Amino acid sequence: MLCVLAACAQGHRTDDSGDRQDDDLNQITQHPSATVCAGGRWTCFARVQVDDSHRIKNFASPSGLGATDLASAYKLDTSLAPNATIAIVDAYNYPKADSDLAKYRTQYGLPPCTVANGCFKIVNQNGQTSPLPSNAPAGDDWTVESALDLDMASAACPHCKLILVEAQDDQSDGLYIANNAAASLGATVISNSWGGPEDSSVSSYETYFNHPGIAIFVASGDAGNTGSSPDYPSTSAHVIAVGGTSLVKASNTRGWTEGAWSSGGSSCSQNIAKPSFQTSTACSKRMTADIAAVGDPNTGVAVYNNGGWTIVGGTSASSPFAAGVYAAYGLGSTAPGWAYSN
């Protein structure tokens, strides 16, 4: 499965036998989608399907790819109980996180993971259970992002514990500080589905992602190949940058066709040195993405948020999913270059 993710990051369209399936991908229905949290200094990369009036589409029952679909597509062993913890870093408070997560997990037969049973923990950017941040302002809804992250981590590793680390806002350095909190709380892996334009100051932020033995995943963005205008922290030397794919059911050996999503983020850092595991001459410095998983909102995933079902995509989906896969298979201590040699 991980080799499929690595192959997709390089832009190959392939099923598990190597056959090209371009016809399946060319027939994907295109749906309008929109960002939900773009009001701050840092932007999340969730893209939710909307109607012609640009309102979020709500469904009475799950629509889009569910946990069982993802387990089938990536041949996941959902019985694995790795004694691992997935930390999710987002901004602002999500008041219904516990109940919404319970609804998603019940829908797909996943074991309960609640605050009450100790499987799920919600903390602020300093790792404390109180006070939690204020709710997001109108027009900057991070609850969709948080719901997506928790649902995708659950789908990838049903028996992992979860920590939602809520930064104070998306304006200051709280999202960075939250990574330190996640590490201090014993996270096996950490997922960040947010970013912003890289500039010359990023070297001062590298320390927040330098946690040896904890694999940190970052969404690479939803703007396609941005070349020399990269998003940070996906270009950090200490993270695994996760791009996006399109994923559809197919009548082949795998049962699914997957290919690079044209809007999945890729770029060349202007400030972070090229790591030894990257040999391509396409970038003189650090390049992203490293791996990829389902992210195309046109083949989006089912998410339960604030009492309703939606369809969401973006590399915000692929990052927590990949983090969950690593955690499930005992790969949480691997360094960023592991996927390149596997």
Protein backbone atom coordinates (compact mmCIF):
# COMPACT_ATOMS: atom_id res chain seq x y z
CA MET A 1 0.00 0.00 0.00
CA LEU A 2 2.72 2.46 0.91
CA CYS A 3 4.48 1.87 -2.39
CA VAL A 4 1.23 2.89 -4.10
CA LEU A 5 1.24 6.11 -2.11
CA ALA A 6 4.84 6.78 -3.04
CA ALA A 7 4.16 6.06 -6.71
CA CYS A 8 1.21 8.43 -6.75
CA ALA A 9 3.39 11.21 -5.38
CA GLN A 10 5.45 10.89 -8.57
CA GLY A 11 2.35 11.35 -10.73
CA HIS A 12 1.84 7.79 -11.99
CA ARG A 13 -1.66 6.57 -12.78
CA THR A 14 -1.61 2.89 -11.96
CA ASP A 15 -3.49 0.08 -10.30
CA ASP A 16 -1.79 -2.70 -8.34
CA SER A 17 -0.76 -4.54 -11.52
CA GLY A 18 0.72 -1.48 -13.19
CA ASP A 19 -2.01 -1.18 -15.83
CA ARG A 20 -2.92 2.33 -16.91
CA GLN A 21 -6.48 3.33 -16.10
CA ASP A 22 -6.75 6.82 -17.59
CA ASP A 23 -10.28 6.19 -18.91
CA ASP A 24 -11.63 5.69 -15.38
CA LEU A 25 -10.02 8.90 -14.18
CA ASN A 26 -11.17 10.92 -17.19
CA GLN A 27 -14.78 10.02 -16.45
CA ILE A 28 -14.81 11.45 -12.92
CA THR A 29 -17.75 13.81 -12.45
CA GLN A 30 -16.61 17.32 -11.61
CA HIS A 31 -18.29 18.96 -8.60
CA PRO A 32 -17.86 22.55 -7.41
CA SER A 33 -15.95 22.76 -4.14
CA ALA A 34 -14.78 25.49 -1.81
CA THR A 35 -12.31 26.15 0.95
CA VAL A 36 -13.73 26.51 4.44
CA CYS A 37 -10.93 28.08 6.50
CA ALA A 38 -9.02 30.66 4.55
CA GLY A 39 -9.48 33.67 6.78
CA GLY A 40 -6.19 33.61 8.63
CA ARG A 41 -2.45 33.82 8.22
CA TRP A 42 -2.47 30.03 7.88
CA THR A 43 -4.97 28.23 5.67
CA CYS A 44 -6.36 24.73 6.01
CA PHE A 45 -6.54 22.59 2.87
CA ALA A 46 -10.00 21.07 3.19
CA ARG A 47 -12.20 21.45 0.11
CA VAL A 48 -15.87 20.71 0.65
CA GLN A 49 -18.36 20.04 -2.14
CA VAL A 50 -20.87 22.87 -2.60
CA ASP A 51 -24.02 23.42 -4.63
CA ASP A 52 -24.52 25.92 -7.44
CA SER A 53 -25.23 28.62 -4.86
CA HIS A 54 -21.88 27.93 -3.22
CA ARG A 55 -23.48 26.45 -0.12
CA ILE A 56 -22.03 23.34 1.48
CA LYS A 57 -23.85 20.22 0.27
CA ASN A 58 -25.40 18.30 3.14
CA PHE A 59 -26.58 14.71 2.89
CA ALA A 60 -29.03 12.77 5.07
CA SER A 61 -26.77 9.71 4.90
CA PRO A 62 -23.11 9.17 4.04
CA SER A 63 -22.08 10.08 0.51
CA GLY A 64 -18.55 9.94 -0.80
CA LEU A 65 -15.90 7.39 0.13
CA GLY A 66 -16.36 5.91 3.58
CA ALA A 67 -14.03 4.08 5.94
CA THR A 68 -14.87 0.71 4.40
CA ASP A 69 -14.09 2.05 0.91
CA LEU A 70 -10.72 3.34 2.03
CA ALA A 71 -9.85 0.08 3.75
CA SER A 72 -10.68 -1.73 0.50
CA ALA A 73 -8.82 0.67 -1.77
CA TYR A 74 -5.61 0.62 0.27
CA LYS A 75 -5.85 -3.02 1.44
CA LEU A 76 -5.70 -1.99 5.08
CA ASP A 77 -5.67 -4.47 7.93
CA THR A 78 -8.16 -2.68 10.18
CA SER A 79 -7.75 -5.28 12.95
CA LEU A 80 -4.28 -3.99 13.83
CA ALA A 81 -4.03 -2.63 17.38
CA PRO A 82 -0.65 -0.88 17.43
CA ASN A 83 -0.97 0.95 20.77
CA ALA A 84 -0.39 4.17 18.84
CA THR A 85 -1.68 7.73 19.13
CA ILE A 86 -2.46 10.05 16.21
CA ALA A 87 -2.31 13.77 17.00
CA ILE A 88 -4.27 16.18 14.82
CA VAL A 89 -3.27 19.86 14.82
CA ASP A 90 -5.96 22.40 13.90
CA ALA A 91 -7.08 25.88 14.90
CA TYR A 92 -9.95 27.07 17.12
CA ASN A 93 -12.38 25.01 19.17
CA TYR A 94 -14.62 22.29 17.75
CA PRO A 95 -17.43 21.95 20.32
CA LYS A 96 -19.03 18.88 18.70
CA ALA A 97 -15.81 17.00 18.02
CA ASP A 98 -16.56 14.16 20.43
CA SER A 99 -20.17 13.54 19.31
CA ASP A 100 -19.44 14.01 15.60
CA LEU A 101 -16.53 11.58 15.74
CA ALA A 102 -18.73 9.05 17.53
CA LYS A 103 -21.32 9.31 14.74
CA TYR A 104 -18.73 8.65 12.03
CA ARG A 105 -17.19 5.71 13.82
CA THR A 106 -20.58 4.16 14.61
CA GLN A 107 -21.64 4.52 10.97
CA TYR A 108 -18.69 2.42 9.78
CA GLY A 109 -18.52 -0.05 12.65
CA LEU A 110 -15.31 1.34 14.11
CA PRO A 111 -14.66 0.83 17.83
CA PRO A 112 -15.73 3.68 20.12
CA CYS A 113 -13.11 6.38 20.62
CA THR A 114 -14.49 9.01 22.97
CA VAL A 115 -13.35 11.45 25.60
CA ALA A 116 -15.23 9.39 28.18
CA ASN A 117 -13.45 6.11 27.43
CA GLY A 118 -10.03 7.77 27.29
CA CYS A 119 -9.37 7.04 23.61
CA PHE A 120 -9.95 10.64 22.47
CA LYS A 121 -8.43 13.74 24.03
CA ILE A 122 -8.96 17.41 23.18
CA VAL A 123 -6.34 19.92 24.33
CA ASN A 124 -5.23 23.47 23.65
CA GLN A 125 -1.97 24.44 21.93
CA ASN A 126 -0.09 23.99 25.20
CA GLY A 127 -1.37 20.46 25.69
CA GLN A 128 -3.87 21.31 28.43
CA THR A 129 -7.52 20.28 28.51
CA SER A 130 -8.58 23.80 29.51
CA PRO A 131 -9.08 26.48 28.61
CA LEU A 132 -9.87 25.49 25.05
CA PRO A 133 -9.76 28.14 22.31
CA SER A 134 -12.75 30.19 21.26
CA ASN A 135 -14.90 29.04 18.36
CA ALA A 136 -13.79 29.99 14.86
CA PRO A 137 -15.10 33.29 13.47
CA ALA A 138 -17.74 33.32 10.76
CA GLY A 139 -16.27 32.51 7.36
CA ASP A 140 -13.27 30.69 8.82
CA ASP A 141 -14.76 27.33 9.81
CA TRP A 142 -12.04 24.99 11.04
CA THR A 143 -14.60 22.48 12.36
CA VAL A 144 -14.93 20.95 8.88
CA GLU A 145 -11.15 20.53 8.79
CA SER A 146 -11.03 18.98 12.25
CA ALA A 147 -13.89 16.59 11.44
CA LEU A 148 -12.15 15.53 8.22
CA ASP A 149 -8.87 14.92 10.03
CA LEU A 150 -10.40 12.88 12.82
CA ASP A 151 -12.52 10.81 10.43
CA MET A 152 -9.58 10.04 8.12
CA ALA A 153 -7.28 9.10 11.00
CA SER A 154 -10.05 6.82 12.30
CA ALA A 155 -10.53 5.18 8.91
CA ALA A 156 -6.82 4.44 8.56
CA CYS A 157 -6.28 3.19 12.12
CA PRO A 158 -9.52 2.29 13.91
CA HIS A 159 -7.66 1.10 17.01
CA CYS A 160 -5.41 4.13 17.43
CA LYS A 161 -5.97 6.74 20.11
CA LEU A 162 -6.61 10.31 18.96
CA ILE A 163 -5.56 13.73 20.23
CA LEU A 164 -7.04 16.92 18.78
CA VAL A 165 -4.67 19.79 19.52
CA GLU A 166 -6.51 23.08 19.06
CA ALA A 167 -4.37 26.15 18.37
CA GLN A 168 -5.63 29.44 19.74
CA ASP A 169 -6.18 30.82 16.23
CA ASP A 170 -4.83 30.77 12.67
CA GLN A 171 -3.12 34.15 12.94
CA SER A 172 -0.29 33.66 15.44
CA ASP A 173 2.22 30.83 16.01
CA GLY A 174 -0.25 28.57 17.82
CA LEU A 175 -0.35 25.96 15.06
CA TYR A 176 3.41 25.60 15.36
CA ILE A 177 3.39 25.48 19.15
CA ALA A 178 0.70 22.80 18.98
CA ASN A 179 3.18 20.39 17.37
CA ASN A 180 5.37 20.61 20.46
CA ALA A 181 2.32 19.91 22.62
CA ALA A 182 1.41 16.88 20.51
CA ALA A 183 4.92 15.48 20.85
CA SER A 184 4.95 16.06 24.61
CA LEU A 185 1.68 14.15 24.99
CA GLY A 186 3.17 11.01 23.46
CA ALA A 187 1.90 11.18 19.90
CA THR A 188 3.11 8.39 17.64
CA VAL A 189 2.45 10.51 14.54
CA ILE A 190 1.28 14.11 14.03
CA SER A 191 -0.80 15.44 11.14
CA ASN A 192 -0.98 19.06 9.96
CA SER A 193 -3.48 19.92 7.20
CA TRP A 194 -2.58 23.59 6.90
CA GLY A 195 0.08 25.88 5.54
CA GLY A 196 1.01 29.24 4.13
CA PRO A 197 3.49 30.84 1.73
CA GLU A 198 7.07 29.95 2.52
CA ASP A 199 9.39 32.88 3.18
CA SER A 200 12.91 33.42 4.47
CA SER A 201 11.75 33.21 8.10
CA VAL A 202 10.88 29.50 7.97
CA SER A 203 14.22 28.39 9.41
CA SER A 204 13.11 29.82 12.75
CA TYR A 205 10.06 27.52 12.72
CA GLU A 206 11.89 24.28 11.92
CA THR A 207 12.35 23.46 15.60
CA TYR A 208 8.60 22.88 15.99
CA PHE A 209 8.76 19.93 13.59
CA ASN A 210 12.07 18.49 14.78
CA HIS A 211 10.84 15.60 16.94
CA PRO A 212 12.99 12.54 16.11
CA GLY A 213 11.06 9.31 16.38
CA ILE A 214 7.71 10.97 15.64
CA ALA A 215 6.65 11.05 11.99
CA ILE A 216 5.05 14.40 11.19
CA PHE A 217 2.78 14.70 8.15
CA VAL A 218 1.83 17.93 6.36
CA ALA A 219 -0.66 18.50 3.55
CA SER A 220 1.06 19.87 0.45
CA GLY A 221 -1.81 22.16 -0.62
CA ASP A 222 -4.53 22.21 -3.25
CA ALA A 223 -3.13 24.60 -5.85
CA GLY A 224 -1.32 22.11 -8.07
CA ASN A 225 2.31 22.66 -8.95
CA THR A 226 3.25 26.05 -7.50
CA GLY A 227 6.88 25.71 -8.56
CA SER A 228 9.00 28.27 -6.74
CA SER A 229 6.09 29.51 -4.58
CA PRO A 230 5.89 26.71 -2.02
CA ASP A 231 3.70 26.21 1.02
CA TYR A 232 5.33 25.78 4.41
CA PRO A 233 5.47 23.62 6.52
CA SER A 234 5.09 21.02 3.75
CA THR A 235 8.65 21.91 2.71
CA SER A 236 10.08 21.46 6.21
CA ALA A 237 13.11 19.19 6.41
CA HIS A 238 11.47 17.25 9.25
CA VAL A 239 8.09 16.33 7.76
CA ILE A 240 6.49 13.99 5.27
CA ALA A 241 4.65 16.11 2.69
CA VAL A 242 1.44 14.48 1.50
CA GLY A 243 -0.08 15.19 -1.90
CA GLY A 244 -3.45 14.17 -3.30
CA THR A 245 -4.83 11.55 -5.67
CA SER A 246 -8.11 10.82 -7.42
CA LEU A 247 -9.58 7.48 -6.36
CA VAL A 248 -12.46 5.63 -8.05
CA LYS A 249 -13.84 2.10 -8.05
CA ALA A 250 -12.84 0.01 -11.06
CA SER A 251 -13.16 -3.48 -12.52
CA ASN A 252 -9.48 -4.34 -12.22
CA THR A 253 -7.45 -6.54 -9.91
CA ARG A 254 -7.21 -3.90 -7.22
CA GLY A 255 -10.85 -2.93 -7.55
CA TRP A 256 -9.88 0.74 -7.66
CA THR A 257 -8.13 3.16 -9.98
CA GLU A 258 -5.95 5.88 -8.53
CA GLY A 259 -3.98 8.68 -10.17
CA ALA A 260 -2.37 11.98 -9.37
CA TRP A 261 -4.89 14.74 -8.63
CA SER A 262 -4.01 17.72 -10.83
CA SER A 263 -4.59 20.18 -7.97
CA GLY A 264 -2.56 18.23 -5.42
CA GLY A 265 0.21 20.49 -4.18
CA SER A 266 3.81 20.20 -5.33
CA SER A 267 6.58 22.76 -5.19
CA CYS A 268 10.26 23.55 -4.72
CA SER A 269 11.41 25.11 -1.46
CA GLN A 270 13.41 28.30 -1.73
CA ASN A 271 14.93 28.01 1.75
CA ILE A 272 15.13 24.38 2.90
CA ALA A 273 18.12 22.38 1.63
CA LYS A 274 17.51 19.28 -0.49
CA PRO A 275 17.61 16.17 1.74
CA SER A 276 19.85 13.26 0.81
CA PHE A 277 16.88 11.01 -0.01
CA GLN A 278 15.77 13.29 -2.87
CA THR A 279 17.80 12.91 -6.05
CA SER A 280 15.58 14.53 -8.68
CA THR A 281 17.02 17.60 -10.37
CA ALA A 282 13.57 19.17 -10.72
CA CYS A 283 14.29 21.28 -7.62
CA SER A 284 17.59 22.57 -6.31
CA LYS A 285 16.26 22.49 -2.73
CA ARG A 286 13.64 20.49 -0.81
CA MET A 287 10.78 19.34 -3.03
CA THR A 288 7.25 18.21 -2.25
CA ALA A 289 5.16 16.07 -2.20
CA ASP A 290 6.78 12.91 -0.79
CA ILE A 291 3.78 10.56 -0.85
CA ALA A 292 0.10 10.92 -1.76
CA ALA A 293 -3.34 9.52 -1.01
CA VAL A 294 -6.97 10.30 -1.80
CA GLY A 295 -7.52 14.06 -1.93
CA ASP A 296 -9.53 15.00 -5.02
CA PRO A 297 -12.83 16.52 -3.77
CA ASN A 298 -14.52 15.07 -6.87
CA THR A 299 -13.74 11.63 -5.40
CA GLY A 300 -14.07 13.00 -1.89
CA VAL A 301 -14.63 11.27 1.41
CA ALA A 302 -17.70 11.18 3.65
CA VAL A 303 -17.32 13.41 6.72
CA TYR A 304 -19.72 13.95 9.61
CA ASN A 305 -19.62 17.55 10.86
CA ASN A 306 -21.93 19.51 13.11
CA GLY A 307 -24.82 17.10 12.74
CA GLY A 308 -24.66 16.39 9.00
CA TRP A 309 -22.84 14.44 6.30
CA THR A 310 -20.70 16.26 3.74
CA ILE A 311 -18.19 15.30 1.04
CA VAL A 312 -14.73 16.72 1.57
CA GLY A 313 -11.40 16.46 -0.21
CA GLY A 314 -8.13 18.32 -0.48
CA THR A 315 -4.73 17.26 0.76
CA SER A 316 -6.28 17.86 4.16
CA ALA A 317 -7.79 14.40 3.69
CA SER A 318 -4.60 12.70 2.54
CA SER A 319 -2.35 13.90 5.37
CA PRO A 320 -4.27 12.46 8.36
CA PHE A 321 -5.05 9.32 6.37
CA ALA A 322 -1.37 8.72 5.60
CA ALA A 323 -0.48 9.48 9.22
CA GLY A 324 -3.00 6.87 10.33
CA VAL A 325 -1.60 4.26 7.96
CA TYR A 326 1.92 4.81 9.29
CA ALA A 327 0.65 4.56 12.86
CA ALA A 328 -1.35 1.40 12.17
CA TYR A 329 1.60 -0.43 10.66
CA GLY A 330 4.13 0.55 13.32
CA LEU A 331 5.96 3.08 11.15
CA GLY A 332 5.51 6.10 13.38
CA SER A 333 9.20 6.38 14.19
CA THR A 334 10.39 6.42 10.58
CA ALA A 335 12.24 9.42 9.18
CA PRO A 336 10.90 11.51 6.26
CA GLY A 337 12.99 9.61 3.71
CA TRP A 338 11.62 6.18 4.56
CA ALA A 339 9.04 6.13 1.76
CA TYR A 340 11.71 6.83 -0.87
CA SER A 341 13.53 3.59 -0.08
CA ASN A 342 10.31 1.56 0.27
